[in-house]
N, C-alpha and C. Protein backbone atom coordinates (compact mmCIF):
# COMPACT_ATOMS: atom_id res chain seq x y z
N MET A 1 -12.16 -64.13 117.65
CA MET A 1 -13.22 -63.83 117.77
C MET A 1 -14.49 -64.41 116.91
N PRO A 2 -15.14 -65.27 116.91
CA PRO A 2 -16.01 -66.08 115.79
C PRO A 2 -16.78 -64.87 115.02
N GLY A 3 -17.43 -63.84 115.91
CA GLY A 3 -18.17 -62.70 115.07
C GLY A 3 -17.81 -61.59 115.83
N SER A 4 -17.91 -60.71 114.84
CA SER A 4 -17.65 -59.23 115.25
C SER A 4 -19.04 -58.28 115.73
N PHE A 5 -19.10 -57.43 116.51
CA PHE A 5 -20.09 -56.45 116.80
C PHE A 5 -19.50 -55.25 117.25
N LYS A 6 -20.73 -54.42 116.99
CA LYS A 6 -20.35 -53.06 117.17
C LYS A 6 -21.48 -52.56 118.23
N ILE A 7 -20.99 -51.43 118.96
CA ILE A 7 -22.21 -50.97 119.93
C ILE A 7 -22.29 -49.27 119.48
N SER A 8 -23.42 -48.88 119.70
CA SER A 8 -23.86 -47.65 119.10
C SER A 8 -23.45 -46.69 120.23
N SER A 9 -23.40 -45.39 120.11
CA SER A 9 -23.09 -44.44 120.88
C SER A 9 -24.13 -44.12 122.10
N HIS A 10 -25.18 -44.59 121.82
CA HIS A 10 -26.58 -44.21 122.52
C HIS A 10 -25.97 -45.74 123.62
N GLN A 11 -25.93 -46.92 123.36
CA GLN A 11 -25.61 -48.03 123.84
C GLN A 11 -24.18 -47.79 125.07
N LEU A 12 -23.51 -47.40 124.59
CA LEU A 12 -22.33 -47.06 125.19
C LEU A 12 -22.28 -45.82 126.41
N MET A 13 -23.08 -45.00 126.19
CA MET A 13 -23.83 -43.93 127.05
C MET A 13 -24.47 -44.75 128.23
N ILE A 14 -25.48 -45.69 127.79
CA ILE A 14 -26.22 -46.13 128.82
C ILE A 14 -25.11 -47.37 129.48
N LEU A 15 -24.51 -47.70 128.86
CA LEU A 15 -23.43 -48.67 129.68
C LEU A 15 -22.59 -47.93 130.75
N ILE A 16 -22.10 -46.68 130.59
CA ILE A 16 -21.26 -45.80 131.11
C ILE A 16 -22.26 -45.40 132.18
N LEU A 17 -23.27 -44.98 132.11
CA LEU A 17 -24.27 -44.58 133.13
C LEU A 17 -24.57 -45.64 133.98
N LEU A 18 -24.97 -46.84 133.74
CA LEU A 18 -25.28 -47.66 134.57
C LEU A 18 -23.99 -48.19 135.60
N TYR A 19 -22.55 -48.32 134.99
CA TYR A 19 -21.64 -48.55 135.63
C TYR A 19 -21.35 -47.23 136.63
N SER A 20 -21.32 -46.42 136.30
CA SER A 20 -21.25 -45.04 137.34
C SER A 20 -22.20 -45.16 138.36
N VAL A 21 -23.52 -45.38 138.25
CA VAL A 21 -24.58 -45.29 139.39
C VAL A 21 -24.29 -46.59 140.13
N GLY A 22 -24.13 -47.87 139.47
CA GLY A 22 -23.72 -48.87 140.22
C GLY A 22 -22.27 -48.78 141.21
N THR A 23 -21.31 -48.04 140.59
CA THR A 23 -20.21 -47.86 141.47
C THR A 23 -20.39 -46.80 142.61
N VAL A 24 -21.21 -45.80 142.30
CA VAL A 24 -22.03 -45.22 143.42
C VAL A 24 -22.62 -45.78 144.44
N ILE A 25 -23.26 -46.38 144.17
CA ILE A 25 -24.14 -47.25 144.85
C ILE A 25 -23.31 -48.21 145.92
N LEU A 26 -22.32 -48.88 145.58
CA LEU A 26 -21.48 -49.80 146.23
C LEU A 26 -20.57 -48.79 147.00
N HIS A 27 -20.09 -47.96 146.75
CA HIS A 27 -19.24 -47.14 147.38
C HIS A 27 -19.67 -46.06 148.20
N THR A 28 -20.84 -45.76 148.44
CA THR A 28 -21.56 -44.63 149.16
C THR A 28 -20.81 -44.83 150.60
N PRO A 29 -20.35 -43.71 151.14
CA PRO A 29 -19.67 -43.72 152.39
C PRO A 29 -20.74 -43.79 153.67
N SER A 30 -20.66 -44.43 154.37
CA SER A 30 -21.47 -44.72 155.60
C SER A 30 -21.86 -43.32 156.26
N PRO A 31 -20.92 -42.47 156.46
CA PRO A 31 -21.15 -41.27 157.39
C PRO A 31 -22.04 -40.28 156.18
N LEU A 32 -21.87 -40.47 155.14
CA LEU A 32 -22.65 -39.61 154.15
C LEU A 32 -24.12 -39.96 154.10
N ALA A 33 -24.14 -41.20 153.82
CA ALA A 33 -25.81 -41.84 154.10
C ALA A 33 -26.16 -41.84 155.22
N GLY A 34 -25.70 -41.79 156.58
CA GLY A 34 -26.06 -41.41 157.81
C GLY A 34 -26.69 -39.81 157.82
N PHE A 35 -25.58 -39.15 157.24
CA PHE A 35 -26.19 -37.50 157.25
C PHE A 35 -27.59 -36.99 156.37
N ALA A 36 -27.16 -37.85 155.26
CA ALA A 36 -28.29 -37.61 154.13
C ALA A 36 -29.65 -38.46 154.49
N LYS A 37 -29.40 -39.49 155.26
CA LYS A 37 -30.72 -40.15 155.36
C LYS A 37 -31.31 -40.61 154.26
N GLN A 38 -32.91 -40.26 153.91
CA GLN A 38 -33.61 -40.91 152.50
C GLN A 38 -32.88 -40.03 151.36
N ASP A 39 -31.99 -39.29 151.34
CA ASP A 39 -31.59 -38.70 150.14
C ASP A 39 -30.09 -39.17 149.88
N ALA A 40 -29.62 -40.28 150.40
CA ALA A 40 -28.19 -40.66 150.45
C ALA A 40 -27.94 -40.93 149.05
N TRP A 41 -28.89 -41.45 148.37
CA TRP A 41 -28.40 -41.63 146.86
C TRP A 41 -28.24 -40.57 146.09
N LEU A 42 -28.85 -39.42 146.26
CA LEU A 42 -28.67 -37.96 145.68
C LEU A 42 -27.51 -37.51 146.06
N ALA A 43 -27.22 -37.57 147.19
CA ALA A 43 -25.73 -37.15 147.86
C ALA A 43 -24.75 -38.00 146.98
N ALA A 44 -24.73 -39.26 146.84
CA ALA A 44 -23.78 -40.20 146.30
C ALA A 44 -23.47 -39.55 144.65
N LEU A 45 -24.51 -39.24 144.20
CA LEU A 45 -24.59 -38.70 142.92
C LEU A 45 -23.57 -37.59 142.75
N PHE A 46 -24.07 -36.45 143.86
CA PHE A 46 -23.38 -35.42 143.69
C PHE A 46 -21.83 -35.46 144.13
N GLU A 47 -21.55 -36.61 144.97
CA GLU A 47 -20.12 -36.79 145.31
C GLU A 47 -19.42 -37.44 143.97
N GLN A 48 -20.29 -38.25 143.50
CA GLN A 48 -19.41 -39.05 142.35
C GLN A 48 -19.06 -37.59 141.32
N GLU A 49 -19.75 -36.71 141.01
CA GLU A 49 -19.60 -35.70 140.31
C GLU A 49 -18.37 -35.33 140.75
N SER A 50 -18.23 -34.75 141.59
CA SER A 50 -17.12 -33.92 142.17
C SER A 50 -15.66 -34.51 142.12
N HIS A 51 -15.52 -35.89 141.82
CA HIS A 51 -14.55 -36.57 141.88
C HIS A 51 -13.95 -36.71 140.31
């Protein structure tokens, strides 16, 4: 590696948060989205926390 770099704890937290939200959005089950309708994104977040 030509140069080394470090990320701060804040940057790591943001990275993990964005990865988690992106994963939830991509893996939202269709039945859950049909049941929750306009609040599917919120239901998906709660589902992710329970796993």
